């Protein structure tokens, strides 16, 4: 849990994981905020403490992203949104907002781009005669059940398309909102066409409130696991990310709680701090757990060959060195103890059949 409130000299932004907007690494002109002349203006500083979430229409012409990374167990991902209001301080996807000309900091979690045509685009791509069905992952660089989903319902619309086509799809989320779509997910799971991974970082809500400020509480995530499992939907617990010195000691309790609430599979990812994520997360440590900062940084470096990040395949998700091996061994021991399998069986793609296939003339257009 936090040791003390952040320094008043810089305005603490409520409900956000990042506390600044670092300069975009692609921009030649950099801006520097200077509050010296406004030191006594409490009203101004109070205004800085609240950042509203804004939504923008994303006119993407495709919805599936392809990757060839050997570290990732899927080839295609589907992201209905860009940016994520969950605001996780450690989110590896933050640098993707820089490609939009924005910042990986506050912009990433407050300026959300909405792919309003997501379901239509998915239907078009699945109808393409060159598409050979293989499992899709929702999502890869954003959470498909972030707060925007309550309003836009794009994830549900995409699931309806997937069910119609017989297209297998996996989900990973930190939000209990996933239970809203149990009806579709349960139907698909009867044919081994879906599974859900719930990311569980800590059981301490005081910690998650500042580390993952707009995600569901740990109790709500465990309840989601229980409801999904009871509906026959395979559930994986992702203890991700493991942050050395901060939540690694919770691995046994996280796996036990997940098992008790219906999870049957388990996985983990070691903290990654690529590009702009590093200064943002180190700033989060300084403001929220200053007395632990030096220890946490030291342990991170122990797992990353003396650095804060590794980009090499085979190491970026698990790290290297004695402490990384210790974390891996501890995870394996307690996953085995709680009967949590490491790898779920493959989803069934044999039922894939585009609705248009029943009318051959449609394939002419």
Protein backbone atom coordinates (compact mmCIF):
# COMPACT_ATOMS: atom_id res chain seq x y z
CA UNK A 1 0.00 0.00 0.00
CA UNK A 2 1.20 3.61 -0.47
CA UNK A 3 3.57 4.98 2.16
CA UNK A 4 2.40 8.58 1.89
CA UNK A 5 0.63 10.97 -0.49
CA UNK A 6 2.66 12.29 -3.43
CA UNK A 7 4.57 15.56 -3.02
CA UNK A 8 2.24 18.61 -3.07
CA UNK A 9 4.79 20.52 -5.15
CA UNK A 10 3.48 18.60 -8.17
CA UNK A 11 -0.30 18.24 -8.49
CA UNK A 12 -1.41 14.65 -7.80
CA UNK A 13 -3.89 13.59 -10.46
CA UNK A 14 -6.77 11.64 -8.97
CA UNK A 15 -7.62 8.21 -10.26
CA UNK A 16 -4.74 7.98 -12.73
CA UNK A 17 -1.76 5.66 -12.77
CA UNK A 18 0.51 8.11 -14.59
CA UNK A 19 1.11 11.48 -13.01
CA UNK A 20 2.53 13.25 -16.04
CA UNK A 21 2.55 13.44 -19.82
CA UNK A 22 6.12 12.65 -20.91
CA UNK A 23 7.20 14.19 -24.19
CA UNK A 24 6.52 12.11 -27.28
CA UNK A 25 9.81 10.49 -28.36
CA UNK A 26 8.94 11.14 -32.02
CA UNK A 27 8.42 14.89 -31.59
CA UNK A 28 11.28 17.35 -32.07
CA UNK A 29 9.63 20.06 -29.94
CA UNK A 30 9.30 19.22 -26.25
CA UNK A 31 7.22 21.12 -23.71
CA UNK A 32 8.12 21.64 -20.05
CA UNK A 33 5.47 22.65 -17.50
CA UNK A 34 6.48 25.53 -15.22
CA UNK A 35 4.24 26.11 -12.19
CA UNK A 36 6.57 28.45 -10.31
CA UNK A 37 4.47 31.56 -10.93
CA UNK A 38 1.29 29.74 -9.85
CA UNK A 39 2.51 28.42 -6.52
CA UNK A 40 -0.24 30.14 -4.51
CA UNK A 41 -3.11 29.44 -6.90
CA UNK A 42 -4.88 26.55 -5.14
CA UNK A 43 -7.82 26.68 -7.56
CA UNK A 44 -5.50 26.16 -10.52
CA UNK A 45 -3.74 23.23 -8.89
CA UNK A 46 -7.05 21.68 -7.88
CA UNK A 47 -8.11 21.80 -11.53
CA UNK A 48 -4.98 19.92 -12.53
CA UNK A 49 -5.85 17.11 -10.14
CA UNK A 50 -8.81 15.98 -12.24
CA UNK A 51 -8.46 14.74 -15.81
CA UNK A 52 -11.63 13.68 -17.58
CA UNK A 53 -11.68 10.76 -20.02
CA UNK A 54 -12.37 11.75 -23.62
CA UNK A 55 -13.48 9.46 -26.44
CA UNK A 56 -12.57 9.86 -30.10
CA UNK A 57 -13.80 7.92 -33.11
CA UNK A 58 -11.14 5.69 -34.64
CA UNK A 59 -11.60 5.21 -38.37
CA UNK A 60 -9.42 2.09 -38.68
CA UNK A 61 -10.05 0.10 -41.84
CA UNK A 62 -8.99 -3.25 -40.34
CA UNK A 63 -9.51 -4.76 -36.90
CA UNK A 64 -7.09 -7.71 -36.69
CA UNK A 65 -3.41 -7.21 -35.85
CA UNK A 66 -0.83 -9.86 -36.67
CA UNK A 67 2.36 -10.66 -34.78
CA UNK A 68 5.08 -13.27 -35.15
CA UNK A 69 6.58 -13.12 -31.67
CA UNK A 70 7.58 -16.53 -30.26
CA UNK A 71 6.84 -15.16 -26.76
CA UNK A 72 3.14 -14.65 -27.50
CA UNK A 73 0.80 -17.65 -27.82
CA UNK A 74 -1.40 -16.12 -30.51
CA UNK A 75 -0.94 -14.76 -34.01
CA UNK A 76 -3.91 -12.41 -34.34
CA UNK A 77 -5.32 -9.96 -31.81
CA UNK A 78 -8.42 -7.82 -31.84
CA UNK A 79 -8.49 -4.44 -30.06
CA UNK A 80 -11.76 -2.48 -30.11
CA UNK A 81 -10.10 0.50 -28.40
CA UNK A 82 -6.78 2.35 -28.42
CA UNK A 83 -5.57 3.56 -25.05
CA UNK A 84 -6.96 2.25 -21.78
CA UNK A 85 -8.70 4.12 -18.98
CA UNK A 86 -7.69 1.45 -16.45
CA UNK A 87 -4.51 3.48 -16.08
CA UNK A 88 -2.19 0.70 -14.91
CA UNK A 89 1.09 2.38 -13.99
CA UNK A 90 3.14 -0.45 -15.52
CA UNK A 91 1.22 -0.97 -18.79
CA UNK A 92 3.60 -2.09 -21.53
CA UNK A 93 1.20 -0.77 -24.20
CA UNK A 94 1.55 2.89 -23.23
CA UNK A 95 4.12 3.70 -25.98
CA UNK A 96 1.51 2.81 -28.65
CA UNK A 97 -0.16 6.18 -28.03
CA UNK A 98 3.00 7.91 -29.21
CA UNK A 99 2.27 6.64 -32.72
CA UNK A 100 -0.89 8.76 -32.57
CA UNK A 101 1.11 11.89 -31.74
CA UNK A 102 0.13 11.72 -28.06
CA UNK A 103 1.85 10.92 -24.79
CA UNK A 104 2.27 7.53 -23.14
CA UNK A 105 1.33 9.12 -19.82
CA UNK A 106 -1.99 10.72 -18.96
CA UNK A 107 -2.99 10.84 -22.64
CA UNK A 108 -2.89 7.03 -22.88
CA UNK A 109 -5.45 6.61 -20.11
CA UNK A 110 -7.63 9.67 -20.73
CA UNK A 111 -7.80 9.95 -24.55
CA UNK A 112 -9.46 6.73 -25.72
CA UNK A 113 -9.95 5.98 -29.41
CA UNK A 114 -13.07 3.95 -30.17
CA UNK A 115 -13.24 1.68 -33.21
CA UNK A 116 -16.97 2.09 -33.72
CA UNK A 117 -16.93 -0.23 -36.78
CA UNK A 118 -15.13 -3.03 -34.93
CA UNK A 119 -17.85 -5.66 -35.36
CA UNK A 120 -18.42 -4.73 -39.01
CA UNK A 121 -14.70 -4.90 -39.75
CA UNK A 122 -14.40 -8.25 -37.99
CA UNK A 123 -17.26 -9.64 -40.03
CA UNK A 124 -15.60 -8.42 -43.23
CA UNK A 125 -12.25 -9.99 -42.38
CA UNK A 126 -13.76 -13.31 -41.32
CA UNK A 127 -15.78 -13.34 -44.56
CA UNK A 128 -12.66 -13.00 -46.66
CA UNK A 129 -12.14 -16.27 -48.53
CA UNK A 130 -8.42 -16.07 -47.71
CA UNK A 131 -9.09 -16.20 -43.96
CA UNK A 132 -8.20 -19.55 -42.46
CA UNK A 133 -9.61 -19.68 -38.97
CA UNK A 134 -7.26 -19.68 -36.01
CA UNK A 135 -7.91 -18.38 -32.48
CA UNK A 136 -8.08 -14.63 -31.95
CA UNK A 137 -6.95 -12.86 -28.79
CA UNK A 138 -8.99 -10.00 -27.42
CA UNK A 139 -7.11 -7.82 -26.55
CA UNK A 140 -3.39 -7.40 -27.15
CA UNK A 141 -2.62 -3.76 -26.33
CA UNK A 142 -5.71 -2.58 -24.47
CA UNK A 143 -8.39 -4.04 -22.20
CA UNK A 144 -11.53 -4.87 -24.14
CA UNK A 145 -13.64 -4.48 -20.97
CA UNK A 146 -12.27 -1.11 -19.87
CA UNK A 147 -14.89 1.47 -18.75
CA UNK A 148 -15.60 2.53 -22.37
CA UNK A 149 -17.15 -0.88 -23.01
CA UNK A 150 -20.11 -0.06 -20.76
CA UNK A 151 -21.05 2.69 -23.18
CA UNK A 152 -19.97 1.41 -26.58
CA UNK A 153 -20.43 -2.38 -26.19
CA UNK A 154 -17.96 -3.11 -28.99
CA UNK A 155 -16.52 -6.19 -27.32
CA UNK A 156 -19.96 -7.75 -27.03
CA UNK A 157 -20.69 -6.92 -30.67
CA UNK A 158 -17.45 -8.62 -31.74
CA UNK A 159 -18.26 -11.68 -29.64
CA UNK A 160 -21.63 -11.92 -31.36
CA UNK A 161 -19.86 -11.90 -34.73
CA UNK A 162 -17.40 -14.57 -33.54
CA UNK A 163 -20.25 -16.78 -32.35
CA UNK A 164 -22.10 -16.35 -35.64
CA UNK A 165 -19.01 -17.40 -37.64
CA UNK A 166 -17.91 -20.16 -35.29
CA UNK A 167 -14.67 -18.22 -34.76
CA UNK A 168 -12.72 -19.14 -31.57
CA UNK A 169 -11.67 -16.20 -29.43
CA UNK A 170 -9.77 -15.79 -26.14
CA UNK A 171 -10.10 -12.86 -23.75
CA UNK A 172 -7.77 -11.34 -21.17
CA UNK A 173 -9.08 -8.61 -18.88
CA UNK A 174 -8.82 -6.96 -15.47
CA UNK A 175 -12.47 -5.96 -15.42
CA UNK A 176 -15.39 -7.88 -13.93
CA UNK A 177 -17.58 -6.39 -16.67
CA UNK A 178 -16.74 -9.54 -18.63
CA UNK A 179 -19.51 -11.32 -16.70
CA UNK A 180 -22.08 -9.22 -18.57
CA UNK A 181 -21.37 -11.36 -21.64
CA UNK A 182 -21.60 -14.74 -19.94
CA UNK A 183 -24.52 -15.68 -22.17
CA UNK A 184 -22.40 -15.51 -25.35
CA UNK A 185 -19.26 -16.88 -23.73
CA UNK A 186 -21.08 -19.85 -22.19
CA UNK A 187 -22.63 -20.70 -25.55
CA UNK A 188 -19.24 -20.59 -27.27
CA UNK A 189 -17.50 -22.54 -24.52
CA UNK A 190 -19.87 -25.46 -25.05
CA UNK A 191 -18.04 -25.97 -28.34
CA UNK A 192 -14.55 -25.19 -26.98
CA UNK A 193 -14.45 -21.87 -28.79
CA UNK A 194 -13.55 -19.49 -25.96
CA UNK A 195 -11.78 -19.02 -22.65
CA UNK A 196 -11.20 -16.05 -20.36
CA UNK A 197 -8.05 -14.98 -18.53
CA UNK A 198 -8.46 -12.68 -15.54
CA UNK A 199 -5.39 -10.65 -14.60
CA UNK A 200 -4.93 -10.66 -10.82
CA UNK A 201 -2.01 -8.55 -9.62
CA UNK A 202 -2.68 -8.24 -5.90
CA UNK A 203 -5.30 -9.06 -3.27
CA UNK A 204 -4.58 -5.74 -1.54
CA UNK A 205 -7.13 -3.22 -2.78
CA UNK A 206 -5.17 -0.35 -1.23
CA UNK A 207 -2.37 -1.23 -3.63
CA UNK A 208 -4.51 -1.85 -6.72
CA UNK A 209 -6.29 1.49 -6.22
CA UNK A 210 -3.08 3.33 -7.02
CA UNK A 211 -1.32 0.75 -9.21
CA UNK A 212 -4.36 -0.02 -11.40
CA UNK A 213 -6.70 2.83 -10.43
CA UNK A 214 -9.70 2.16 -12.70
CA UNK A 215 -9.71 -1.61 -12.79
CA UNK A 216 -12.13 -3.83 -10.88
CA UNK A 217 -11.23 -4.58 -7.27
CA UNK A 218 -9.49 -7.88 -6.47
CA UNK A 219 -12.71 -9.16 -4.88
CA UNK A 220 -14.69 -8.32 -8.02
CA UNK A 221 -12.18 -10.13 -10.23
CA UNK A 222 -12.37 -13.24 -8.05
CA UNK A 223 -16.16 -13.05 -8.20
CA UNK A 224 -15.92 -12.84 -12.00
CA UNK A 225 -13.76 -15.97 -12.04
CA UNK A 226 -16.35 -17.78 -9.95
CA UNK A 227 -19.27 -16.73 -12.14
CA UNK A 228 -17.49 -17.57 -15.39
CA UNK A 229 -16.37 -20.95 -14.10
CA UNK A 230 -19.85 -21.76 -12.83
CA UNK A 231 -21.17 -21.07 -16.34
CA UNK A 232 -18.74 -23.62 -17.79
CA UNK A 233 -16.29 -21.09 -19.21
CA UNK A 234 -12.61 -22.07 -18.78
CA UNK A 235 -10.83 -19.51 -16.60
CA UNK A 236 -7.12 -18.71 -16.46
CA UNK A 237 -5.58 -16.56 -13.74
CA UNK A 238 -2.80 -14.30 -14.99
CA UNK A 239 -0.63 -13.13 -12.10
CA UNK A 240 0.67 -10.34 -14.26
CA UNK A 241 2.78 -8.48 -13.98
CA UNK A 242 4.93 -9.86 -11.20
CA UNK A 243 6.76 -6.82 -9.81
CA UNK A 244 9.83 -7.93 -7.85
CA UNK A 245 9.77 -6.54 -4.33
CA UNK A 246 6.17 -5.31 -4.59
CA UNK A 247 3.77 -8.18 -5.29
CA UNK A 248 5.98 -11.25 -5.83
CA UNK A 249 5.34 -12.40 -2.26
CA UNK A 250 1.65 -12.67 -3.13
CA UNK A 251 2.13 -15.39 -5.76
CA UNK A 252 1.05 -18.22 -3.37
CA UNK A 253 -2.05 -16.36 -2.15
CA UNK A 254 -3.03 -15.19 -5.65
CA UNK A 255 -2.93 -18.74 -7.00
CA UNK A 256 -4.79 -20.12 -4.01
CA UNK A 257 -7.54 -17.50 -4.31
CA UNK A 258 -7.87 -18.13 -8.04
CA UNK A 259 -8.16 -21.89 -7.50
CA UNK A 260 -10.80 -21.40 -4.82
CA UNK A 261 -12.82 -19.26 -7.23
CA UNK A 262 -12.84 -21.63 -10.18
CA UNK A 263 -9.69 -20.95 -12.19
CA UNK A 264 -8.19 -24.07 -13.74
CA UNK A 265 -5.18 -22.58 -15.58
CA UNK A 266 -2.49 -20.12 -14.55
CA UNK A 267 0.19 -17.97 -16.14
CA UNK A 268 2.44 -15.06 -15.23
CA UNK A 269 4.49 -12.32 -16.85
CA UNK A 270 7.39 -10.50 -15.25
CA UNK A 271 7.22 -6.70 -15.18
CA UNK A 272 8.36 -5.12 -18.45
CA UNK A 273 9.45 -1.47 -18.65
CA UNK A 274 9.99 -0.69 -22.35
CA UNK A 275 10.62 2.82 -23.69
CA UNK A 276 8.43 5.47 -22.04
CA UNK A 277 7.00 3.00 -19.51
CA UNK A 278 10.22 3.02 -17.50
CA UNK A 279 10.21 6.70 -16.38
CA UNK A 280 6.47 6.58 -15.76
CA UNK A 281 6.71 3.52 -13.52
CA UNK A 282 9.77 4.80 -11.67
CA UNK A 283 7.87 8.03 -11.04
CA UNK A 284 4.97 5.95 -9.70
CA UNK A 285 7.34 4.17 -7.30
CA UNK A 286 8.77 7.47 -6.06
CA UNK A 287 5.34 8.93 -5.40
CA UNK A 288 3.56 5.89 -3.97
CA UNK A 289 6.12 3.61 -2.31
CA UNK A 290 9.21 5.78 -1.79
CA UNK A 291 10.60 3.68 1.07
CA UNK A 292 10.53 0.58 -1.17
CA UNK A 293 11.69 2.20 -4.40
CA UNK A 294 15.40 1.37 -4.12
CA UNK A 295 14.69 -2.27 -3.21
CA UNK A 296 12.17 -2.73 -6.04
CA UNK A 297 14.46 -1.15 -8.63
CA UNK A 298 17.35 -3.33 -7.49
CA UNK A 299 15.29 -6.51 -7.75
CA UNK A 300 13.95 -5.51 -11.18
CA UNK A 301 17.51 -5.05 -12.37
CA UNK A 302 18.44 -8.45 -10.93
CA UNK A 303 15.84 -10.04 -13.21
CA UNK A 304 16.79 -7.95 -16.26
CA UNK A 305 20.54 -8.46 -16.55
CA UNK A 306 21.29 -5.21 -14.73
CA UNK A 307 18.77 -3.15 -16.70
CA UNK A 308 15.06 -2.34 -16.30
CA UNK A 309 13.93 -4.19 -19.42
CA UNK A 310 14.94 -6.90 -21.86
CA UNK A 311 13.65 -7.04 -25.42
CA UNK A 312 15.14 -10.40 -26.39
CA UNK A 313 12.69 -13.15 -27.24
CA UNK A 314 12.66 -15.78 -24.52
CA UNK A 315 13.59 -13.27 -21.82
CA UNK A 316 11.27 -10.30 -22.10
CA UNK A 317 8.31 -12.12 -20.50
CA UNK A 318 10.24 -14.10 -17.86
CA UNK A 319 13.50 -12.25 -17.25
CA UNK A 320 16.84 -13.88 -16.49
CA UNK A 321 19.13 -14.50 -13.55
CA UNK A 322 18.80 -16.18 -10.16
CA UNK A 323 15.90 -14.09 -8.86
CA UNK A 324 13.87 -14.58 -12.07
CA UNK A 325 14.46 -18.33 -11.74
CA UNK A 326 13.32 -18.15 -8.11
CA UNK A 327 10.06 -16.46 -9.15
CA UNK A 328 9.50 -19.05 -11.88
CA UNK A 329 10.08 -21.93 -9.47
CA UNK A 330 7.78 -20.44 -6.84
CA UNK A 331 5.05 -19.97 -9.43
CA UNK A 332 5.36 -23.55 -10.69
CA UNK A 333 5.29 -25.01 -7.16
CA UNK A 334 2.13 -23.20 -6.10
CA UNK A 335 0.39 -23.63 -9.44
CA UNK A 336 0.94 -27.38 -9.07
CA UNK A 337 -0.20 -27.29 -5.44
CA UNK A 338 -3.48 -25.64 -6.42
CA UNK A 339 -4.02 -27.86 -9.47
CA UNK A 340 -3.67 -25.00 -11.91
CA UNK A 341 -2.47 -26.22 -15.29
CA UNK A 342 0.08 -24.07 -17.08
CA UNK A 343 -1.29 -24.43 -20.62
CA UNK A 344 -4.95 -24.78 -21.67
CA UNK A 345 -5.85 -27.07 -24.58
CA UNK A 346 -6.19 -25.47 -28.03
CA UNK A 347 -9.53 -24.00 -29.02
CA UNK A 348 -11.58 -25.74 -31.72
CA UNK A 349 -11.51 -24.03 -35.12
CA UNK A 350 -13.35 -26.79 -36.96
CA UNK A 351 -16.76 -25.13 -36.60
CA UNK A 352 -15.74 -21.98 -38.47
CA UNK A 353 -18.18 -21.29 -41.29
CA UNK A 354 -18.89 -17.81 -42.70
CA UNK A 355 -22.67 -17.27 -42.90
CA UNK A 356 -22.25 -16.12 -46.53
CA UNK A 357 -20.88 -19.54 -47.49
CA UNK A 358 -24.45 -20.85 -47.80
CA UNK A 359 -24.94 -18.58 -50.83
CA UNK A 360 -22.03 -19.07 -53.27
CA UNK A 361 -23.04 -16.06 -55.37
CA UNK A 362 -22.00 -13.74 -52.53
CA UNK A 363 -18.38 -14.80 -52.96
CA UNK A 364 -18.39 -13.09 -56.40
CA UNK A 365 -18.47 -9.65 -54.77
